[in-house]
Amino acid sequence: MKELSETELKTVQGGGISIGVAAVVTIGIAFLVGVLDGIIRPLKCH
């Protein structure tokens, strides 16, 4: 395994998911769960 210099370490680009994308996915799932819950189990407003 090769040791990287400090400048090489700064230029490394990693994969993964950003916090913004994770937040949008989580909000989307919560919204869909709420819509499905409203369709399957409609409750009257008080």
Protein backbone atom coordinates (compact mmCIF):
# COMPACT_ATOMS: atom_id res chain seq x y z
CA MET A 1 0.00 0.00 0.00
CA LYS A 2 1.32 3.43 -0.94
CA GLU A 3 1.43 6.29 1.53
CA LEU A 4 -0.05 9.49 0.15
CA SER A 5 1.48 12.88 0.61
CA GLU A 6 -0.47 15.74 2.15
CA THR A 7 -1.25 17.29 -1.23
CA GLU A 8 -2.43 13.94 -2.60
CA LEU A 9 -4.67 13.45 0.43
CA LYS A 10 -6.33 16.82 -0.22
CA THR A 11 -7.18 15.84 -3.80
CA VAL A 12 -8.77 12.48 -2.97
CA GLN A 13 -12.45 12.43 -3.83
CA GLY A 14 -14.59 9.90 -2.05
CA GLY A 15 -17.94 8.41 -2.82
CA GLY A 16 -20.90 8.17 -0.57
CA ILE A 17 -24.01 10.19 -0.03
CA SER A 18 -24.15 13.82 1.01
CA ILE A 19 -26.16 15.05 3.98
CA GLY A 20 -28.49 17.02 1.68
CA VAL A 21 -29.35 13.97 -0.41
CA ALA A 22 -29.94 11.89 2.72
CA ALA A 23 -32.24 14.60 4.11
CA VAL A 24 -34.27 14.81 0.89
CA VAL A 25 -34.66 11.02 0.75
CA THR A 26 -35.72 10.89 4.41
CA ILE A 27 -38.24 13.71 3.97
CA GLY A 28 -39.61 12.05 0.83
CA ILE A 29 -40.10 8.73 2.62
CA ALA A 30 -41.82 10.45 5.57
CA PHE A 31 -44.13 12.30 3.17
CA LEU A 32 -45.07 9.11 1.31
CA VAL A 33 -45.73 7.28 4.58
CA GLY A 34 -48.02 10.14 5.67
CA VAL A 35 -49.93 10.11 2.38
CA LEU A 36 -50.37 6.34 2.48
CA ASP A 37 -51.47 6.49 6.11
CA GLY A 38 -54.06 9.13 5.19
CA ILE A 39 -55.41 7.00 2.35
CA ILE A 40 -55.49 3.74 4.29
CA ARG A 41 -56.65 5.15 7.66
CA PRO A 42 -58.49 8.46 7.16
CA LEU A 43 -59.24 10.26 10.42
CA LYS A 44 -61.67 13.12 10.89
CA CYS A 45 -60.36 16.51 11.94
CA HIS A 46 -61.41 17.70 15.39
